[in-house]
Amino acid sequence: MKLKKKNKDFRVILVDISLDIDVIQDGAEISESLIQKYNLDNKDFKIIYLSDGRKIIRANFVGIVKSKLIDKKVLFSMPKHYMEIKKFEELSIKRKLDHVKLVIKTINKSIAGTQFTQYKHSKYVEGNISFNAYNVIVDYYQKYGLFHDEETYTKKGYGNHISWKKTISRSTKMISKNKKIIFTPFVLRKKKQLSNLVTECMIFAINYTDSLFGYFLDLPNYNLQSYGINPQILHNIAGTINSLIQFQTFIFKDDEKQLVDNLIIFLRRVNNSLKQAISIKDYDYEYVWEKAVEKYLNAYFLKVENNVLEYSKKPINKYKFKKKSEQYDSYHKNWRMEPDHYFFDKTDKSLYIFDSKYYVDVKNINYKQLVYHFLFGNKKNVNRIYDALIVPYEGENVTDIHVNIMPDFLSEGEEIIIYINKLNTSSVLKNYI
């Protein structure tokens, strides 16, 4: 297969396209017209029937949906309390895309390292591409450049890299005046680089990914756009995969084997997505929020004072919050308490039990948090317990009191307060990536 450059640089063409981004929010209402427009799946939304018979449809994912490769329309579903929809709609296309990139990066980071493909083997995240395979391919490219075979051949002439064995056997022998043997001409060793299917597939993977997600991810520019997207590969995915499988028997280096393996993985996902919408959807963004909150707490949390959770403006890394899992029932061995963010400060014997909640609203009492307080608080050497539910918020950080147990229900001098700490969603996610 011979490499051919196309005259047009598709990256430049894409930059000139004016995207139109429809925006919704996870957990908020979505219109039936948008569901039809982007051909959303049943699990992309939830239908709720009210007591008066009215029907409400709510979005049930975070991510993007692009109906066709050439379509200028994109649906962006923001996390809960990320930003007011009206405010997002007033932004420039560049600023809108900055927010899309931020959210997609958080999804990719939360499932990074999954074997084979980030999306295909994830229970809660779906997408049309294997970014793990893509990353292996570009890592190889950064180290070695495009894959190539070298063919060694010989030619007669004069210069470096003389093959003396072949020169002696093939060249004309002459005797000089001083009785020395002269070989003429020399036989030279030359190497010729051969482009092949693996090279083509590397270029395809890099350019194809850029064409689908170049708007929504900060992908590096590897200056391969002039090769375009090879239609022979795009329209013959199964045949290309079979050829790569056959090629595997001729390679022996570990990094080259890994490259070909991941090209096959990448192409199998393309094979599944040729006629589908281009999408990255996270149906359980609560997990992303939990991981992002933990990192934010460990970087910025200062203290609880005057019923306010305080944070520093710069990273201080004062605490080491982590998920806690502890058995509490001697009869039911599998019953465990698992607060999301747990830290015991040995200096003043203060216990911090925080739970991240990816909620639209916190309306009812969180009994699980009360159980955490009573059971963990009964341990020895605990002087003070701080409980908080940490939720996403569009504005600046705010602390409210969620529960304040009346003294009549407590021992003398005991106090139980559960806070709701509203953290600015954008700040938490930016810190996460």
Protein backbone atom coordinates (compact mmCIF):
# COMPACT_ATOMS: atom_id res chain seq x y z
CA MET A 1 0.00 0.00 0.00
CA LYS A 2 1.52 3.28 -1.08
CA LEU A 3 1.25 6.43 1.00
CA LYS A 4 -0.37 9.32 -0.80
CA LYS A 5 -0.77 12.83 0.47
CA LYS A 6 -3.95 14.71 -0.28
CA ASN A 7 -3.85 18.30 -1.41
CA LYS A 8 -6.18 19.58 1.30
CA ASP A 9 -5.46 19.75 5.00
CA PHE A 10 -8.69 18.66 6.68
CA ARG A 11 -7.72 20.24 10.02
CA VAL A 12 -7.79 23.67 8.39
CA ILE A 13 -11.17 22.86 6.80
CA LEU A 14 -12.62 21.80 10.16
CA VAL A 15 -11.48 24.99 11.84
CA ASP A 16 -13.54 26.98 9.33
CA ILE A 17 -16.75 25.10 10.18
CA SER A 18 -19.14 26.93 12.50
CA LEU A 19 -20.40 24.39 15.02
CA ASP A 20 -23.84 24.70 16.56
CA ILE A 21 -23.92 23.25 20.07
CA ASP A 22 -27.23 22.26 21.63
CA VAL A 23 -26.86 22.10 25.39
CA ILE A 24 -28.74 20.16 28.06
CA GLN A 25 -27.92 19.19 31.63
CA ASP A 26 -27.77 15.81 33.31
CA GLY A 27 -30.89 15.41 35.46
CA ALA A 28 -32.70 18.35 33.86
CA GLU A 29 -35.59 18.26 31.40
CA ILE A 30 -34.89 17.44 27.76
CA SER A 31 -37.30 17.99 24.89
CA GLU A 32 -38.59 15.16 22.73
CA SER A 33 -37.41 17.11 19.68
CA LEU A 34 -33.77 16.89 20.86
CA ILE A 35 -34.20 13.18 21.58
CA GLN A 36 -35.34 12.64 18.01
CA LYS A 37 -32.80 15.04 16.50
CA TYR A 38 -29.84 13.15 17.99
CA ASN A 39 -31.49 9.72 17.94
CA LEU A 40 -30.87 9.24 21.66
CA ASP A 41 -31.11 5.78 23.22
CA ASN A 42 -33.69 4.91 25.86
CA LYS A 43 -31.05 4.95 28.58
CA ASP A 44 -30.01 8.49 27.59
CA PHE A 45 -33.09 9.83 29.38
CA LYS A 46 -35.60 8.96 32.10
CA ILE A 47 -39.36 9.40 31.86
CA ILE A 48 -41.12 10.47 35.06
CA TYR A 49 -44.92 10.45 35.37
CA LEU A 50 -46.35 12.93 37.87
CA SER A 51 -49.46 12.38 39.99
CA ASP A 52 -51.47 14.68 37.75
CA GLY A 53 -50.65 12.54 34.70
CA ARG A 54 -48.04 14.86 33.21
CA LYS A 55 -44.86 13.37 31.79
CA ILE A 56 -41.39 14.82 32.38
CA ILE A 57 -38.34 13.61 30.45
CA ARG A 58 -34.95 14.15 32.11
CA ALA A 59 -31.47 13.72 30.62
CA ASN A 60 -29.54 10.78 32.05
CA PHE A 61 -25.94 11.19 30.86
CA VAL A 62 -22.98 13.53 30.67
CA GLY A 63 -21.08 13.86 27.41
CA ILE A 64 -21.47 14.65 23.72
CA VAL A 65 -23.42 13.31 20.76
CA LYS A 66 -22.65 14.21 17.16
CA SER A 67 -25.14 12.68 14.75
CA LYS A 68 -22.85 12.44 11.70
CA LEU A 69 -19.19 12.99 10.85
CA ILE A 70 -20.09 15.91 8.56
CA ASP A 71 -22.93 17.28 10.69
CA LYS A 72 -22.39 20.69 12.27
CA LYS A 73 -24.81 19.95 15.11
CA VAL A 74 -23.51 18.71 18.47
CA LEU A 75 -25.40 17.90 21.66
CA PHE A 76 -23.54 18.60 24.89
CA SER A 77 -24.96 17.30 28.17
CA MET A 78 -23.34 19.14 31.08
CA PRO A 79 -22.90 17.68 34.57
CA LYS A 80 -25.46 18.63 37.19
CA HIS A 81 -25.00 22.21 38.42
CA TYR A 82 -22.10 22.79 36.06
CA MET A 83 -23.42 26.03 34.57
CA GLU A 84 -26.76 27.65 33.83
CA ILE A 85 -27.86 26.70 30.33
CA LYS A 86 -28.67 30.30 29.42
CA LYS A 87 -25.16 31.38 30.46
CA PHE A 88 -23.59 28.62 28.36
CA GLU A 89 -25.65 29.61 25.32
CA GLU A 90 -24.32 33.17 25.53
CA LEU A 91 -20.67 32.08 25.29
CA SER A 92 -18.56 32.19 22.13
CA ILE A 93 -18.02 28.91 20.29
CA LYS A 94 -14.44 28.83 21.54
CA ARG A 95 -15.48 29.17 25.19
CA LYS A 96 -18.22 26.57 24.70
CA LEU A 97 -15.68 24.12 23.32
CA ASP A 98 -13.36 24.81 26.27
CA HIS A 99 -16.11 23.61 28.62
CA VAL A 100 -16.88 20.58 26.45
CA LYS A 101 -13.19 19.61 26.47
CA LEU A 102 -13.00 19.97 30.24
CA VAL A 103 -15.96 17.66 30.83
CA ILE A 104 -14.81 15.02 28.32
CA LYS A 105 -11.35 15.02 29.86
CA THR A 106 -12.84 14.24 33.28
CA ILE A 107 -14.70 11.25 31.82
CA ASN A 108 -11.56 9.94 30.12
CA LYS A 109 -9.48 10.43 33.26
CA SER A 110 -11.96 8.59 35.48
CA ILE A 111 -11.72 5.40 33.39
CA ALA A 112 -8.12 5.65 32.19
CA GLY A 113 -6.23 2.37 32.30
CA THR A 114 -9.15 0.09 31.52
CA GLN A 115 -7.92 -2.85 29.47
CA PHE A 116 -8.54 -3.04 25.73
CA THR A 117 -10.74 0.05 25.41
CA GLN A 118 -11.90 2.70 27.81
CA TYR A 119 -15.48 2.56 26.64
CA LYS A 120 -16.36 -0.87 25.29
CA HIS A 121 -15.57 -2.63 28.57
CA SER A 122 -16.94 0.05 30.87
CA LYS A 123 -20.31 -0.58 32.49
CA TYR A 124 -21.36 3.04 32.67
CA VAL A 125 -19.43 4.82 29.90
CA GLU A 126 -19.96 4.37 26.18
CA GLY A 127 -18.16 5.84 23.19
CA ASN A 128 -17.19 5.23 19.60
CA ILE A 129 -13.47 4.97 19.99
CA SER A 130 -10.77 3.32 22.05
CA PHE A 131 -8.68 6.11 23.49
CA ASN A 132 -6.45 3.60 25.27
CA ALA A 133 -5.54 2.09 21.89
CA TYR A 134 -5.16 5.56 20.42
CA ASN A 135 -2.74 6.52 23.21
CA VAL A 136 -0.56 3.45 22.55
CA ILE A 137 -0.44 4.32 18.86
CA VAL A 138 0.58 7.94 19.42
CA ASP A 139 3.10 6.91 22.09
CA TYR A 140 4.79 4.71 19.49
CA TYR A 141 4.70 7.57 16.98
CA GLN A 142 6.27 9.98 19.47
CA LYS A 143 9.11 7.53 20.16
CA TYR A 144 9.82 6.11 16.71
CA GLY A 145 7.80 8.03 14.15
CA LEU A 146 5.73 6.16 11.60
CA PHE A 147 6.27 2.41 11.45
CA HIS A 148 8.41 1.34 8.51
CA ASP A 149 10.17 -1.72 7.16
CA GLU A 150 13.72 -1.42 5.87
CA GLU A 151 14.70 -3.42 2.80
CA THR A 152 18.41 -3.97 2.35
CA TYR A 153 19.66 -4.11 -1.24
CA THR A 154 22.96 -3.70 -3.07
CA LYS A 155 24.09 -1.55 -5.96
CA LYS A 156 27.34 -1.01 -7.78
CA GLY A 157 29.12 2.28 -7.33
CA TYR A 158 31.38 4.21 -5.02
CA GLY A 159 30.75 5.51 -1.54
CA ASN A 160 30.24 4.33 2.04
CA HIS A 161 28.86 0.99 3.31
CA ILE A 162 30.88 -1.26 1.01
CA SER A 163 29.96 -4.93 1.07
CA TRP A 164 33.46 -6.42 0.68
CA LYS A 165 32.24 -9.97 0.42
CA LYS A 166 30.01 -9.19 -2.53
CA THR A 167 32.53 -6.78 -4.02
CA ILE A 168 35.19 -9.54 -4.10
CA SER A 169 32.81 -12.05 -5.67
CA ARG A 170 31.07 -9.75 -8.18
CA SER A 171 33.41 -6.90 -9.15
CA THR A 172 36.02 -6.86 -11.88
CA LYS A 173 39.51 -7.38 -10.51
CA MET A 174 42.37 -5.30 -11.85
CA ILE A 175 46.07 -5.23 -10.92
CA SER A 176 47.65 -1.82 -10.55
CA LYS A 177 51.23 -0.84 -11.43
CA ASN A 178 52.32 -1.40 -7.85
CA LYS A 179 50.79 -4.90 -8.11
CA LYS A 180 47.79 -4.21 -5.86
CA ILE A 181 44.39 -5.69 -6.63
CA ILE A 182 41.74 -3.13 -7.47
CA PHE A 183 38.02 -3.97 -7.42
CA THR A 184 35.83 -1.93 -9.69
CA PRO A 185 33.15 -0.93 -9.13
CA PHE A 186 32.40 -1.57 -5.45
CA VAL A 187 29.21 -3.29 -4.32
CA LEU A 188 27.46 -1.00 -1.82
CA ARG A 189 24.90 -1.88 0.85
CA LYS A 190 21.80 0.35 0.74
CA LYS A 191 18.61 0.46 2.80
CA LYS A 192 15.22 1.40 1.47
CA GLN A 193 12.35 2.32 3.77
CA LEU A 194 9.09 0.66 2.76
CA SER A 195 5.75 2.13 3.83
CA ASN A 196 3.14 -0.55 4.51
CA LEU A 197 -0.26 -1.32 5.96
CA VAL A 198 0.85 -0.67 9.55
CA THR A 199 2.06 2.79 8.56
CA GLU A 200 -1.24 3.52 6.82
CA CYS A 201 -3.22 2.31 9.82
CA MET A 202 -1.21 4.51 12.19
CA ILE A 203 -1.97 7.56 10.06
CA PHE A 204 -5.61 6.52 9.80
CA ALA A 205 -5.99 6.11 13.59
CA ILE A 206 -4.43 9.50 14.34
CA ASN A 207 -6.33 11.40 11.64
CA TYR A 208 -9.63 9.60 12.19
CA THR A 209 -9.55 10.41 15.91
CA ASP A 210 -8.75 14.03 15.15
CA SER A 211 -11.63 14.24 12.66
CA LEU A 212 -14.13 12.90 15.21
CA PHE A 213 -12.94 14.50 18.41
CA GLY A 214 -10.52 17.26 17.43
CA TYR A 215 -13.07 19.83 18.54
CA PHE A 216 -13.71 18.22 21.88
CA LEU A 217 -10.28 17.05 23.03
CA ASP A 218 -6.91 18.79 23.02
CA LEU A 219 -5.31 16.30 20.65
CA PRO A 220 -1.70 16.94 19.59
CA ASN A 221 -1.04 18.01 16.01
CA TYR A 222 1.27 15.42 14.46
CA ASN A 223 1.34 17.12 11.03
CA LEU A 224 -0.19 14.08 9.33
CA GLN A 225 -3.37 15.82 8.18
CA SER A 226 -2.18 16.09 4.59
CA TYR A 227 -2.47 12.29 4.27
CA GLY A 228 -6.18 12.54 5.07
CA ILE A 229 -8.31 9.55 6.06
CA ASN A 230 -7.63 6.60 3.79
CA PRO A 231 -11.01 5.53 2.30
CA GLN A 232 -9.62 2.05 1.52
CA ILE A 233 -9.28 1.47 5.26
CA LEU A 234 -12.48 3.27 6.28
CA HIS A 235 -14.66 1.25 3.91
CA ASN A 236 -12.88 -2.08 4.43
CA ILE A 237 -12.34 -2.27 8.17
CA ALA A 238 -12.81 -6.04 8.40
CA GLY A 239 -10.34 -6.71 5.58
CA THR A 240 -7.79 -4.33 7.09
CA ILE A 241 -8.06 -6.06 10.46
CA ASN A 242 -7.54 -9.46 8.84
CA SER A 243 -4.44 -8.17 7.05
CA LEU A 244 -3.04 -6.83 10.35
CA ILE A 245 -3.67 -10.19 12.04
CA GLN A 246 -1.69 -11.93 9.28
CA PHE A 247 1.08 -9.31 9.58
CA GLN A 248 1.43 -10.10 13.31
CA THR A 249 3.28 -13.34 12.47
CA PHE A 250 6.10 -11.36 10.86
CA ILE A 251 6.92 -9.03 13.77
CA PHE A 252 8.96 -9.92 16.82
CA LYS A 253 9.73 -6.72 18.76
CA ASP A 254 7.48 -6.16 21.79
CA ASP A 255 6.72 -2.51 21.05
CA GLU A 256 5.83 -3.34 17.44
CA LYS A 257 3.57 -6.21 18.57
CA GLN A 258 1.87 -3.84 20.98
CA LEU A 259 1.41 -1.29 18.20
CA VAL A 260 -0.28 -3.77 15.86
CA ASP A 261 -2.43 -5.19 18.68
CA ASN A 262 -3.76 -1.73 19.47
CA LEU A 263 -4.30 -0.86 15.81
CA ILE A 264 -6.58 -3.92 15.65
CA ILE A 265 -8.40 -2.84 18.82
CA PHE A 266 -8.80 0.68 17.45
CA LEU A 267 -10.18 -0.52 14.11
CA ARG A 268 -12.66 -2.88 15.74
CA ARG A 269 -14.24 0.10 17.48
CA VAL A 270 -14.36 1.97 14.17
CA ASN A 271 -16.06 -1.07 12.67
CA ASN A 272 -18.76 -0.76 15.32
CA SER A 273 -19.25 2.98 14.86
CA LEU A 274 -19.35 3.55 11.10
CA LYS A 275 -23.12 3.97 11.02
CA GLN A 276 -23.65 5.21 14.56
CA ALA A 277 -23.72 8.66 16.09
CA ILE A 278 -20.36 9.91 17.30
CA SER A 279 -20.62 10.03 21.08
CA ILE A 280 -19.03 9.87 24.50
CA LYS A 281 -21.64 9.27 27.20
CA ASP A 282 -21.17 8.76 30.93
CA TYR A 283 -24.25 7.33 32.64
CA ASP A 284 -22.72 7.41 36.12
CA TYR A 285 -20.99 10.77 36.47
CA GLU A 286 -21.34 10.42 40.24
CA TYR A 287 -18.11 8.39 40.16
CA VAL A 288 -16.28 11.22 38.37
CA TRP A 289 -17.61 13.71 40.92
CA GLU A 290 -16.45 11.51 43.81
CA LYS A 291 -12.90 11.22 42.43
CA ALA A 292 -12.75 14.93 41.62
CA VAL A 293 -13.98 15.94 45.09
CA GLU A 294 -11.39 13.73 46.79
CA LYS A 295 -8.58 15.36 44.86
CA TYR A 296 -9.96 18.84 45.60
CA LEU A 297 -10.29 18.13 49.33
CA ASN A 298 -6.74 16.83 49.57
CA ALA A 299 -5.40 19.88 47.78
CA TYR A 300 -7.43 22.78 49.21
CA PHE A 301 -9.40 21.86 52.35
CA LEU A 302 -8.42 23.92 55.41
CA LYS A 303 -10.85 23.44 58.28
CA VAL A 304 -14.41 23.72 59.56
CA GLU A 305 -14.96 26.93 61.46
CA ASN A 306 -18.14 28.80 62.42
CA ASN A 307 -20.19 26.20 60.53
CA VAL A 308 -18.29 26.82 57.30
CA LEU A 309 -16.03 24.45 55.38
CA GLU A 310 -13.06 26.62 54.47
CA TYR A 311 -10.68 26.16 51.54
CA SER A 312 -7.37 27.74 50.68
CA LYS A 313 -6.81 29.60 47.43
CA LYS A 314 -3.63 27.66 46.72
CA PRO A 315 -2.93 23.93 47.16
CA ILE A 316 -1.74 23.12 50.70
CA ASN A 317 -2.17 19.32 50.76
CA LYS A 318 -2.94 19.34 54.47
CA TYR A 319 -5.20 16.29 54.61
CA LYS A 320 -5.25 12.80 53.11
CA PHE A 321 -8.90 12.01 52.57
CA LYS A 322 -9.68 8.59 51.14
CA LYS A 323 -12.58 6.18 50.82
CA LYS A 324 -13.14 4.16 53.98
CA SER A 325 -14.58 0.65 54.05
CA GLU A 326 -15.15 -0.98 57.43
CA GLN A 327 -17.24 -3.89 58.69
CA TYR A 328 -19.60 -2.94 61.51
CA ASP A 329 -21.92 -5.95 61.95
CA SER A 330 -20.55 -9.15 63.50
CA TYR A 331 -23.34 -11.28 62.03
CA HIS A 332 -23.53 -9.91 58.47
CA LYS A 333 -19.93 -10.05 57.30
CA ASN A 334 -20.68 -8.26 54.03
CA TRP A 335 -22.35 -5.22 55.64
CA ARG A 336 -19.89 -2.39 55.55
CA MET A 337 -19.74 1.36 56.12
CA GLU A 338 -18.15 3.16 53.19
CA PRO A 339 -17.95 6.95 53.48
CA ASP A 340 -16.43 8.52 50.37
CA HIS A 341 -13.95 10.87 52.06
CA TYR A 342 -12.65 9.89 55.49
CA PHE A 343 -9.83 11.41 57.52
CA PHE A 344 -8.86 11.22 61.18
CA ASP A 345 -6.62 14.03 62.40
CA LYS A 346 -4.42 12.58 65.15
CA THR A 347 -3.18 16.00 66.27
CA ASP A 348 -6.54 17.15 67.67
CA LYS A 349 -8.43 13.84 67.36
CA SER A 350 -10.94 15.29 64.93
CA LEU A 351 -12.77 12.95 62.58
CA TYR A 352 -13.92 14.14 59.16
CA ILE A 353 -16.62 12.09 57.43
CA PHE A 354 -17.54 13.63 54.08
CA ASP A 355 -19.68 12.10 51.34
CA SER A 356 -19.79 13.44 47.80
CA LYS A 357 -23.32 13.59 46.42
CA TYR A 358 -23.93 14.15 42.73
CA TYR A 359 -27.42 15.54 43.30
CA VAL A 360 -29.67 18.10 41.66
CA ASP A 361 -31.19 18.87 45.07
CA VAL A 362 -30.73 17.49 48.59
CA LYS A 363 -34.28 17.48 49.92
CA ASN A 364 -34.47 14.65 52.44
CA ILE A 365 -32.39 13.79 55.49
CA ASN A 366 -29.38 11.61 54.71
CA TYR A 367 -29.76 8.81 57.25
CA LYS A 368 -26.63 7.03 56.06
CA GLN A 369 -24.57 10.02 57.15
CA LEU A 370 -26.19 9.89 60.59
CA VAL A 371 -25.28 6.21 60.89
CA TYR A 372 -21.68 7.05 59.95
CA HIS A 373 -21.64 9.67 62.70
CA PHE A 374 -23.00 7.40 65.45
CA LEU A 375 -20.88 4.34 64.61
CA PHE A 376 -17.57 5.98 63.77
CA GLY A 377 -18.08 8.53 66.54
CA ASN A 378 -18.31 5.81 69.18
CA LYS A 379 -14.74 4.78 68.52
CA LYS A 380 -12.14 5.65 71.10
CA ASN A 381 -10.03 8.81 70.96
CA VAL A 382 -12.47 10.82 68.84
CA ASN A 383 -13.03 14.30 70.28
CA ARG A 384 -14.99 15.93 67.45
CA ILE A 385 -16.77 14.75 64.31
CA TYR A 386 -17.40 16.83 61.22
CA ASP A 387 -20.01 15.54 58.77
CA ALA A 388 -20.70 17.00 55.34
CA LEU A 389 -22.38 16.18 52.06
CA ILE A 390 -20.45 17.70 49.16
CA VAL A 391 -22.53 18.61 46.11
CA PRO A 392 -21.90 20.38 42.79
CA TYR A 393 -22.81 24.07 42.48
CA GLU A 394 -22.74 26.70 39.74
CA GLY A 395 -21.64 29.54 42.02
CA GLU A 396 -18.97 30.15 44.63
CA ASN A 397 -18.39 27.65 47.44
CA VAL A 398 -21.16 27.75 50.06
CA THR A 399 -21.79 25.82 53.30
CA ASP A 400 -25.34 25.26 54.57
CA ILE A 401 -26.58 23.25 57.53
CA HIS A 402 -28.46 20.16 56.35
CA VAL A 403 -29.22 18.59 59.75
CA ASN A 404 -28.84 19.96 63.30
CA ILE A 405 -30.08 17.36 65.82
CA MET A 406 -32.01 18.84 68.76
CA PRO A 407 -30.29 18.52 72.18
CA ASP A 408 -33.23 16.48 73.56
CA PHE A 409 -32.18 13.55 71.38
CA LEU A 410 -28.49 13.68 72.36
CA SER A 411 -26.32 13.13 75.37
CA GLU A 412 -25.35 16.21 77.35
CA GLY A 413 -22.79 18.30 75.49
CA GLU A 414 -23.16 16.24 72.29
CA GLU A 415 -23.75 17.95 68.98
CA ILE A 416 -24.56 16.51 65.58
CA ILE A 417 -24.51 18.80 62.58
CA ILE A 418 -24.43 17.64 58.99
CA TYR A 419 -23.40 20.27 56.50
CA ILE A 420 -24.12 20.62 52.82
CA ASN A 421 -20.99 21.95 51.17
CA LYS A 422 -21.70 23.31 47.70
CA LEU A 423 -18.47 23.35 45.69
CA ASN A 424 -18.06 25.19 42.41
CA THR A 425 -18.31 22.38 39.87
CA SER A 426 -16.02 23.90 37.28
CA SER A 427 -13.23 24.53 39.81
CA VAL A 428 -13.41 20.98 41.15
CA LEU A 429 -13.28 19.47 37.66
CA LYS A 430 -10.43 21.71 36.49
CA ASN A 431 -8.40 20.64 39.52
CA TYR A 432 -9.23 16.99 38.77
CA ILE A 433 -7.64 17.01 35.30
